[in-house]
Amino acid sequence: MKFRTAMVMAAAAATAVSFAAAGSAAAQTLGHQVQRMPASVSQVNGSRLAKGLLSPSAFGLVLTKSGSANTGGKLLSTRIRQTPGSLSCGTFANINYDSGWGNTAGAFVSYENPNWYGEWPFTQYSLGEVVVQFATAHSASTFYNEAYARFAGCRSFPVPNPSDTTPGGGSYDVSDTSTWKTSVSGHKAFVNTELWAPNNAGGDTDYVDNLYTVSGTVVYYLWDVSGTNDEPSPKLMTELIQRVQGLY
């Protein structure tokens, strides 16, 4: 899905701005809420957090990087500039911001499959991973619960498609969404699936699948775009958690 890839790249650019404490253009200022970090809580910066992300070979496809960012060498202020509930369904469903949530560090990378066309719909078009570290386990759980509530509350919604050059533009109609709780290696998790259909005659109908997990002070997020509702692998999520935990 070209639109999804374009949004990920746009999110990378916007995230770089938010690293400088500007936040995203869609973010709403939610006050000056700051979480105090206990001295006993181990933290790593965004540059180090990025080293825990899975390599492209872990996904079993020939992939090319389409976007990446991390919050750099210093821990971020824990001021909350946006919450999942402050964003529209369409905005939250399509950005991979790894700062602005009151988190102290974050990193993400996205990939696309250059061979998707010949194998469609029995393959993934694009996929990505996001890791967001908070000052406390309570803050991480709060964000995780808010993300679940946002996905669960978004049953159907339109998403503008900036790559559509037809007169008047176009959008995707997102429907047949479902969100359910699960677990990954004993960690709380949920899966969200969405069916994306262009509202004009062109383009493919695609599935966007999301897997969120929280463990300690870190929230983990895998997503992919496929033609056959190919949900992110719990095994890969477990590997991602272990890699990140090994950084501390």
C-alpha atoms as a PDB file:
ATOM      1  CA  MET A   1       0.000   0.000   0.000  1.00  0.00           C
ATOM      2  CA  LYS A   2       1.822   3.089  -1.204  1.00  0.00           C
ATOM      3  CA  PHE A   3      -0.187   5.360   1.067  1.00  0.00           C
ATOM      4  CA  ARG A   4       0.936   3.538   4.176  1.00  0.00           C
ATOM      5  CA  THR A   5       4.595   3.778   3.164  1.00  0.00           C
ATOM      6  CA  ALA A   6       4.244   7.477   2.426  1.00  0.00           C
ATOM      7  CA  MET A   7       2.720   8.066   5.836  1.00  0.00           C
ATOM      8  CA  VAL A   8       5.547   6.212   7.562  1.00  0.00           C
ATOM      9  CA  MET A   9       8.115   8.369   5.785  1.00  0.00           C
ATOM     10  CA  ALA A  10       6.152  11.483   6.682  1.00  0.00           C
ATOM     11  CA  ALA A  11       5.975  10.284  10.267  1.00  0.00           C
ATOM     12  CA  ALA A  12       9.751   9.906  10.330  1.00  0.00           C
ATOM     13  CA  ALA A  13      10.182  13.516   9.262  1.00  0.00           C
ATOM     14  CA  ALA A  14       7.551  14.752  11.696  1.00  0.00           C
ATOM     15  CA  THR A  15       9.082  12.698  14.486  1.00  0.00           C
ATOM     16  CA  ALA A  16      12.424  14.360  13.904  1.00  0.00           C
ATOM     17  CA  VAL A  17      10.661  17.665  14.545  1.00  0.00           C
ATOM     18  CA  SER A  18       9.021  16.351  17.681  1.00  0.00           C
ATOM     19  CA  PHE A  19      12.434  15.256  18.977  1.00  0.00           C
ATOM     20  CA  ALA A  20      13.165  18.950  19.199  1.00  0.00           C
ATOM     21  CA  ALA A  21      10.095  19.256  21.466  1.00  0.00           C
ATOM     22  CA  ALA A  22       7.824  20.669  18.794  1.00  0.00           C
ATOM     23  CA  GLY A  23       5.514  17.627  18.738  1.00  0.00           C
ATOM     24  CA  SER A  24       3.487  16.509  15.733  1.00  0.00           C
ATOM     25  CA  ALA A  25       1.275  18.860  13.764  1.00  0.00           C
ATOM     26  CA  ALA A  26      -1.722  16.844  14.887  1.00  0.00           C
ATOM     27  CA  ALA A  27      -0.730  16.800  18.554  1.00  0.00           C
ATOM     28  CA  GLN A  28      -2.735  18.687  21.118  1.00  0.00           C
ATOM     29  CA  THR A  29      -1.111  20.291  24.149  1.00  0.00           C
ATOM     30  CA  LEU A  30      -2.430  18.433  27.137  1.00  0.00           C
ATOM     31  CA  GLY A  31      -0.879  20.506  29.897  1.00  0.00           C
ATOM     32  CA  HIS A  32       2.409  20.142  31.703  1.00  0.00           C
ATOM     33  CA  GLN A  33       2.058  16.664  33.090  1.00  0.00           C
ATOM     34  CA  VAL A  34       5.463  15.314  34.041  1.00  0.00           C
ATOM     35  CA  GLN A  35       6.300  11.861  35.382  1.00  0.00           C
ATOM     36  CA  ARG A  36       9.108  11.705  37.926  1.00  0.00           C
ATOM     37  CA  MET A  37      11.547   8.895  37.210  1.00  0.00           C
ATOM     38  CA  PRO A  38      12.554   6.803  40.233  1.00  0.00           C
ATOM     39  CA  ALA A  39      16.305   6.411  40.561  1.00  0.00           C
ATOM     40  CA  SER A  40      15.918   2.638  40.524  1.00  0.00           C
ATOM     41  CA  VAL A  41      14.409   2.524  37.029  1.00  0.00           C
ATOM     42  CA  SER A  42      17.008   1.758  34.363  1.00  0.00           C
ATOM     43  CA  GLN A  43      16.712   3.861  31.200  1.00  0.00           C
ATOM     44  CA  VAL A  44      18.503   3.928  27.840  1.00  0.00           C
ATOM     45  CA  ASN A  45      18.509   6.675  25.226  1.00  0.00           C
ATOM     46  CA  GLY A  46      16.906   6.473  21.790  1.00  0.00           C
ATOM     47  CA  SER A  47      20.165   5.776  19.968  1.00  0.00           C
ATOM     48  CA  ARG A  48      20.762   2.717  22.103  1.00  0.00           C
ATOM     49  CA  LEU A  49      17.109   1.677  21.971  1.00  0.00           C
ATOM     50  CA  ALA A  50      17.346   1.573  18.168  1.00  0.00           C
ATOM     51  CA  LYS A  51      20.056  -1.098  18.470  1.00  0.00           C
ATOM     52  CA  GLY A  52      17.447  -3.460  19.898  1.00  0.00           C
ATOM     53  CA  LEU A  53      15.199  -3.320  16.844  1.00  0.00           C
ATOM     54  CA  LEU A  54      14.932  -6.450  14.721  1.00  0.00           C
ATOM     55  CA  SER A  55      17.023  -6.732  11.574  1.00  0.00           C
ATOM     56  CA  PRO A  56      15.159  -6.941   8.237  1.00  0.00           C
ATOM     57  CA  SER A  57      16.248 -10.567   7.833  1.00  0.00           C
ATOM     58  CA  ALA A  58      14.202 -11.496  10.923  1.00  0.00           C
ATOM     59  CA  PHE A  59      11.006 -11.012   8.909  1.00  0.00           C
ATOM     60  CA  GLY A  60      11.899 -13.641   6.328  1.00  0.00           C
ATOM     61  CA  LEU A  61      11.573 -11.312   3.334  1.00  0.00           C
ATOM     62  CA  VAL A  62      13.902  -9.290   1.157  1.00  0.00           C
ATOM     63  CA  LEU A  63      13.170  -5.828   2.517  1.00  0.00           C
ATOM     64  CA  THR A  64      14.351  -2.275   1.918  1.00  0.00           C
ATOM     65  CA  LYS A  65      14.240   0.401   4.615  1.00  0.00           C
ATOM     66  CA  SER A  66      11.594   3.063   3.985  1.00  0.00           C
ATOM     67  CA  GLY A  67      11.952   5.130   7.159  1.00  0.00           C
ATOM     68  CA  SER A  68      13.596   5.221  10.586  1.00  0.00           C
ATOM     69  CA  ALA A  69      14.138   7.552  13.520  1.00  0.00           C
ATOM     70  CA  ASN A  70      15.111   7.537  17.165  1.00  0.00           C
ATOM     71  CA  THR A  71      15.137  10.112  19.921  1.00  0.00           C
ATOM     72  CA  GLY A  72      18.912  10.469  20.060  1.00  0.00           C
ATOM     73  CA  GLY A  73      21.518  10.440  22.793  1.00  0.00           C
ATOM     74  CA  LYS A  74      19.592  12.139  25.607  1.00  0.00           C
ATOM     75  CA  LEU A  75      16.499  11.127  27.536  1.00  0.00           C
ATOM     76  CA  LEU A  76      13.414  13.164  26.663  1.00  0.00           C
ATOM     77  CA  SER A  77      11.296  15.317  28.917  1.00  0.00           C
ATOM     78  CA  THR A  78       8.287  13.354  30.144  1.00  0.00           C
ATOM     79  CA  ARG A  79       5.888  16.166  29.309  1.00  0.00           C
ATOM     80  CA  ILE A  80       2.858  14.705  27.507  1.00  0.00           C
ATOM     81  CA  ARG A  81       2.131  16.483  24.222  1.00  0.00           C
ATOM     82  CA  GLN A  82      -0.382  14.030  22.789  1.00  0.00           C
ATOM     83  CA  THR A  83      -2.296  10.933  23.767  1.00  0.00           C
ATOM     84  CA  PRO A  84      -3.874   8.294  21.523  1.00  0.00           C
ATOM     85  CA  GLY A  85      -7.292   9.692  22.424  1.00  0.00           C
ATOM     86  CA  SER A  86      -6.312  13.236  21.408  1.00  0.00           C
ATOM     87  CA  LEU A  87      -5.760  12.121  17.803  1.00  0.00           C
ATOM     88  CA  SER A  88      -8.396  11.230  15.235  1.00  0.00           C
ATOM     89  CA  CYS A  89      -8.815   7.585  14.270  1.00  0.00           C
ATOM     90  CA  GLY A  90      -7.232   8.225  10.876  1.00  0.00           C
ATOM     91  CA  THR A  91      -4.234  10.037  12.337  1.00  0.00           C
ATOM     92  CA  PHE A  92      -3.536   7.528  15.085  1.00  0.00           C
ATOM     93  CA  ALA A  93      -3.908   4.583  12.699  1.00  0.00           C
ATOM     94  CA  ASN A  94      -1.206   5.946  10.393  1.00  0.00           C
ATOM     95  CA  ILE A  95       1.627   7.440  12.387  1.00  0.00           C
ATOM     96  CA  ASN A  96       4.562   5.826  14.133  1.00  0.00           C
ATOM     97  CA  TYR A  97       5.553   8.696  16.375  1.00  0.00           C
ATOM     98  CA  ASP A  98       8.025   7.545  18.995  1.00  0.00           C
ATOM     99  CA  SER A  99       8.032  10.745  21.055  1.00  0.00           C
ATOM    100  CA  GLY A 100       5.488  13.160  22.460  1.00  0.00           C
ATOM    101  CA  TRP A 101       3.646  10.571  24.562  1.00  0.00           C
ATOM    102  CA  GLY A 102       5.482  11.498  27.765  1.00  0.00           C
ATOM    103  CA  ASN A 103       8.089   8.832  26.986  1.00  0.00           C
ATOM    104  CA  THR A 104      11.790   9.156  27.729  1.00  0.00           C
ATOM    105  CA  ALA A 105      13.070   7.468  24.550  1.00  0.00           C
ATOM    106  CA  GLY A 106      11.814   5.841  21.386  1.00  0.00           C
ATOM    107  CA  ALA A 107      12.879   4.307  18.087  1.00  0.00           C
ATOM    108  CA  PHE A 108      11.225   2.943  14.969  1.00  0.00           C
ATOM    109  CA  VAL A 109      12.057   1.520  11.571  1.00  0.00           C
ATOM    110  CA  SER A 110       9.828   0.678   8.616  1.00  0.00           C
ATOM    111  CA  TYR A 111      10.454  -1.524   5.593  1.00  0.00           C
ATOM    112  CA  GLU A 112       8.854  -2.275   2.273  1.00  0.00           C
ATOM    113  CA  ASN A 113       8.945  -5.434   0.213  1.00  0.00           C
ATOM    114  CA  PRO A 114      10.330  -4.639  -3.279  1.00  0.00           C
ATOM    115  CA  ASN A 115       8.937  -7.948  -4.600  1.00  0.00           C
ATOM    116  CA  TRP A 116       5.387  -7.493  -3.348  1.00  0.00           C
ATOM    117  CA  TYR A 117       3.731  -6.953  -6.742  1.00  0.00           C
ATOM    118  CA  GLY A 118       4.512 -10.360  -8.227  1.00  0.00           C
ATOM    119  CA  GLU A 119       3.507 -12.177  -5.041  1.00  0.00           C
ATOM    120  CA  TRP A 120       0.382 -10.178  -4.124  1.00  0.00           C
ATOM    121  CA  PRO A 121      -1.875 -10.820  -2.275  1.00  0.00           C
ATOM    122  CA  PHE A 122       0.067 -13.656  -0.633  1.00  0.00           C
ATOM    123  CA  THR A 123       2.770 -11.482   0.870  1.00  0.00           C
ATOM    124  CA  GLN A 124       3.360  -8.368   2.946  1.00  0.00           C
ATOM    125  CA  TYR A 125       3.731  -5.021   1.214  1.00  0.00           C
ATOM    126  CA  SER A 126       5.299  -3.149   4.123  1.00  0.00           C
ATOM    127  CA  LEU A 127       5.937  -3.563   7.829  1.00  0.00           C
ATOM    128  CA  GLY A 128       7.562  -1.850  10.765  1.00  0.00           C
ATOM    129  CA  GLU A 129       8.477  -1.887  14.428  1.00  0.00           C
ATOM    130  CA  VAL A 130       8.279   0.760  17.147  1.00  0.00           C
ATOM    131  CA  VAL A 131       9.697   0.747  20.696  1.00  0.00           C
ATOM    132  CA  VAL A 132       8.666   3.404  23.222  1.00  0.00           C
ATOM    133  CA  GLN A 133      10.304   3.655  26.669  1.00  0.00           C
ATOM    134  CA  PHE A 134       8.632   5.409  29.603  1.00  0.00           C
ATOM    135  CA  ALA A 135       9.942   6.600  32.962  1.00  0.00           C
ATOM    136  CA  THR A 136       7.775   4.149  34.896  1.00  0.00           C
ATOM    137  CA  ALA A 137       5.871   0.938  34.303  1.00  0.00           C
ATOM    138  CA  HIS A 138       2.689   2.800  35.238  1.00  0.00           C
ATOM    139  CA  SER A 139       3.254   5.364  32.451  1.00  0.00           C
ATOM    140  CA  ALA A 140       3.928   2.572  29.946  1.00  0.00           C
ATOM    141  CA  SER A 141       0.733   0.756  30.957  1.00  0.00           C
ATOM    142  CA  THR A 142      -1.251   3.984  30.712  1.00  0.00           C
ATOM    143  CA  PHE A 143      -0.124   4.567  27.140  1.00  0.00           C
ATOM    144  CA  TYR A 144      -0.732   0.919  26.232  1.00  0.00           C
ATOM    145  CA  ASN A 145      -4.275   1.040  27.654  1.00  0.00           C
ATOM    146  CA  GLU A 146      -5.000   4.322  25.845  1.00  0.00           C
ATOM    147  CA  ALA A 147      -3.764   2.820  22.557  1.00  0.00           C
ATOM    148  CA  TYR A 148      -6.053  -0.177  23.052  1.00  0.00           C
ATOM    149  CA  ALA A 149      -9.037   2.095  23.767  1.00  0.00           C
ATOM    150  CA  ARG A 150      -8.304   4.221  20.685  1.00  0.00           C
ATOM    151  CA  PHE A 151      -8.129   1.216  18.363  1.00  0.00           C
ATOM    152  CA  ALA A 152     -11.174  -0.443  19.943  1.00  0.00           C
ATOM    153  CA  GLY A 153     -13.202   2.748  19.570  1.00  0.00           C
ATOM    154  CA  CYS A 154     -12.369   3.259  15.882  1.00  0.00           C
ATOM    155  CA  ARG A 155     -14.761   0.936  14.063  1.00  0.00           C
ATOM    156  CA  SER A 156     -14.806   2.647  10.653  1.00  0.00           C
ATOM    157  CA  PHE A 157     -13.275   5.886   9.425  1.00  0.00           C
ATOM    158  CA  PRO A 158     -11.839   7.593   6.327  1.00  0.00           C
ATOM    159  CA  VAL A 159      -8.153   8.367   5.878  1.00  0.00           C
ATOM    160  CA  PRO A 160      -6.985  11.009   3.349  1.00  0.00           C
ATOM    161  CA  ASN A 161      -4.638   9.708   0.669  1.00  0.00           C
ATOM    162  CA  PRO A 162      -2.048  12.361  -0.230  1.00  0.00           C
ATOM    163  CA  SER A 163      -0.587  10.127  -2.957  1.00  0.00           C
ATOM    164  CA  ASP A 164      -3.865  10.252  -4.920  1.00  0.00           C
ATOM    165  CA  THR A 165      -3.341  12.813  -7.705  1.00  0.00           C
ATOM    166  CA  THR A 166      -6.840  12.570  -9.198  1.00  0.00           C
ATOM    167  CA  PRO A 167      -8.949  15.757  -9.139  1.00  0.00           C
ATOM    168  CA  GLY A 168     -10.283  16.267  -5.648  1.00  0.00           C
ATOM    169  CA  GLY A 169      -7.881  13.697  -4.189  1.00  0.00           C
ATOM    170  CA  GLY A 170      -9.066  10.532  -2.556  1.00  0.00           C
ATOM    171  CA  SER A 171      -9.087   8.561   0.636  1.00  0.00           C
ATOM    172  CA  TYR A 172      -9.155   5.084   2.081  1.00  0.00           C
ATOM    173  CA  ASP A 173     -12.244   3.775   3.816  1.00  0.00           C
ATOM    174  CA  VAL A 174     -11.190   1.729   6.834  1.00  0.00           C
ATOM    175  CA  SER A 175     -13.709  -0.852   8.003  1.00  0.00           C
ATOM    176  CA  ASP A 176     -14.135  -4.375   9.375  1.00  0.00           C
ATOM    177  CA  THR A 177     -11.863  -3.416  12.246  1.00  0.00           C
ATOM    178  CA  SER A 178     -11.426  -5.674  15.239  1.00  0.00           C
ATOM    179  CA  THR A 179      -9.357  -5.386  18.400  1.00  0.00           C
ATOM    180  CA  TRP A 180      -8.818  -8.117  20.940  1.00  0.00           C
ATOM    181  CA  LYS A 181      -6.613  -8.784  23.933  1.00  0.00           C
ATOM    182  CA  THR A 182      -4.041 -11.562  23.980  1.00  0.00           C
ATOM    183  CA  SER A 183      -0.621 -12.208  25.507  1.00  0.00           C
ATOM    184  CA  VAL A 184       2.908 -12.637  24.171  1.00  0.00           C
ATOM    185  CA  SER A 185       5.246 -14.751  26.287  1.00  0.00           C
ATOM    186  CA  GLY A 186       3.294 -13.773  29.382  1.00  0.00           C
ATOM    187  CA  HIS A 187       3.160 -10.058  28.540  1.00  0.00           C
ATOM    188  CA  LYS A 188      -0.095  -8.160  28.034  1.00  0.00           C
ATOM    189  CA  ALA A 189      -0.825  -7.632  24.351  1.00  0.00           C
ATOM    190  CA  PHE A 190      -3.561  -6.803  21.886  1.00  0.00           C
ATOM    191  CA  VAL A 191      -4.075  -7.250  18.151  1.00  0.00           C
ATOM    192  CA  ASN A 192      -5.883  -4.806  15.885  1.00  0.00           C
ATOM    193  CA  THR A 193      -6.868  -5.546  12.279  1.00  0.00           C
ATOM    194  CA  GLU A 194      -8.203  -3.093   9.707  1.00  0.00           C
ATOM    195  CA  LEU A 195      -9.440  -3.500   6.130  1.00  0.00           C
ATOM    196  CA  TRP A 196      -8.353  -0.599   3.928  1.00  0.00           C
ATOM    197  CA  ALA A 197     -10.181   0.057   0.654  1.00  0.00           C
ATOM    198  CA  PRO A 198      -9.617   3.019  -1.708  1.00  0.00           C
ATOM    199  CA  ASN A 199     -12.828   4.983  -2.226  1.00  0.00           C
ATOM    200  CA  ASN A 200     -12.191   5.170  -5.958  1.00  0.00           C
ATOM    201  CA  ALA A 201     -11.968   2.369  -8.499  1.00  0.00           C
ATOM    202  CA  GLY A 202      -8.176   2.083  -8.444  1.00  0.00           C
ATOM    203  CA  GLY A 203      -5.803   0.468  -6.005  1.00  0.00           C
ATOM    204  CA  ASP A 204      -5.784  -2.632  -3.852  1.00  0.00           C
ATOM    205  CA  THR A 205      -7.813  -3.500  -0.802  1.00  0.00           C
ATOM    206  CA  ASP A 206      -5.358  -4.256   1.973  1.00  0.00           C
ATOM    207  CA  TYR A 207      -5.217  -5.396   5.565  1.00  0.00           C
ATOM    208  CA  VAL A 208      -3.296  -3.418   8.165  1.00  0.00           C
ATOM    209  CA  ASP A 209      -2.503  -5.477  11.269  1.00  0.00           C
ATOM    210  CA  ASN A 210      -1.063  -4.158  14.519  1.00  0.00           C
ATOM    211  CA  LEU A 211       0.362  -5.977  17.538  1.00  0.00           C
ATOM    212  CA  TYR A 212       1.012  -4.025  20.759  1.00  0.00           C
ATOM    213  CA  THR A 213       2.737  -5.408  23.854  1.00  0.00           C
ATOM    214  CA  VAL A 214       3.788  -3.819  27.155  1.00  0.00           C
ATOM    215  CA  SER A 215       6.585  -5.120  29.365  1.00  0.00           C
ATOM    216  CA  GLY A 216       7.880  -3.081  32.286  1.00  0.00           C
ATOM    217  CA  THR A 217       8.586   0.479  31.180  1.00  0.00           C
ATOM    218  CA  VAL A 218       8.512  -0.296  27.436  1.00  0.00           C
ATOM    219  CA  VAL A 219       5.687  -0.526  24.892  1.00  0.00           C
ATOM    220  CA  TYR A 220       6.416  -2.553  21.742  1.00  0.00           C
ATOM    221  CA  TYR A 221       4.534  -2.288  18.448  1.00  0.00           C
ATOM    222  CA  LEU A 222       4.735  -4.347  15.246  1.00  0.00           C
ATOM    223  CA  TRP A 223       2.594  -3.631  12.174  1.00  0.00           C
ATOM    224  CA  ASP A 224       2.306  -4.896   8.625  1.00  0.00           C
ATOM    225  CA  VAL A 225       0.294  -4.363   5.438  1.00  0.00           C
ATOM    226  CA  SER A 226      -0.739  -7.516   3.589  1.00  0.00           C
ATOM    227  CA  GLY A 227      -3.337  -8.891   1.203  1.00  0.00           C
ATOM    228  CA  THR A 228      -4.449 -11.814   3.348  1.00  0.00           C
ATOM    229  CA  ASN A 229      -4.726 -10.466   6.898  1.00  0.00           C
ATOM    230  CA  ASP A 230      -1.245 -11.610   7.911  1.00  0.00           C
ATOM    231  CA  GLU A 231      -0.990 -10.687  11.585  1.00  0.00           C
ATOM    232  CA  PRO A 232       2.410  -9.783  13.101  1.00  0.00           C
ATOM    233  CA  SER A 233       4.215 -12.759  14.611  1.00  0.00           C
ATOM    234  CA  PRO A 234       4.159 -13.220  18.416  1.00  0.00           C
ATOM    235  CA  LYS A 235       7.474 -15.045  17.993  1.00  0.00           C
ATOM    236  CA  LEU A 236       9.024 -11.941  16.428  1.00  0.00           C
ATOM    237  CA  MET A 237       7.527  -9.799  19.184  1.00  0.00           C
ATOM    238  CA  THR A 238       9.114 -12.065  21.787  1.00  0.00           C
ATOM    239  CA  GLU A 239      12.473 -11.714  20.035  1.00  0.00           C
ATOM    240  CA  LEU A 240      12.086  -7.923  19.939  1.00  0.00           C
ATOM    241  CA  ILE A 241      11.302  -7.799  23.671  1.00  0.00           C
ATOM    242  CA  GLN A 242      14.330  -9.961  24.487  1.00  0.00           C
ATOM    243  CA  ARG A 243      16.623  -7.837  22.331  1.00  0.00           C
ATOM    244  CA  VAL A 244      15.488  -4.617  23.967  1.00  0.00           C
ATOM    245  CA  GLN A 245      15.630  -6.049  27.475  1.00  0.00           C
ATOM    246  CA  GLY A 246      19.221  -7.069  26.740  1.00  0.00           C
ATOM    247  CA  LEU A 247      20.145  -3.397  26.304  1.00  0.00           C
ATOM    248  CA  TYR A 248      19.662  -2.571  29.998  1.00  0.00           C
END
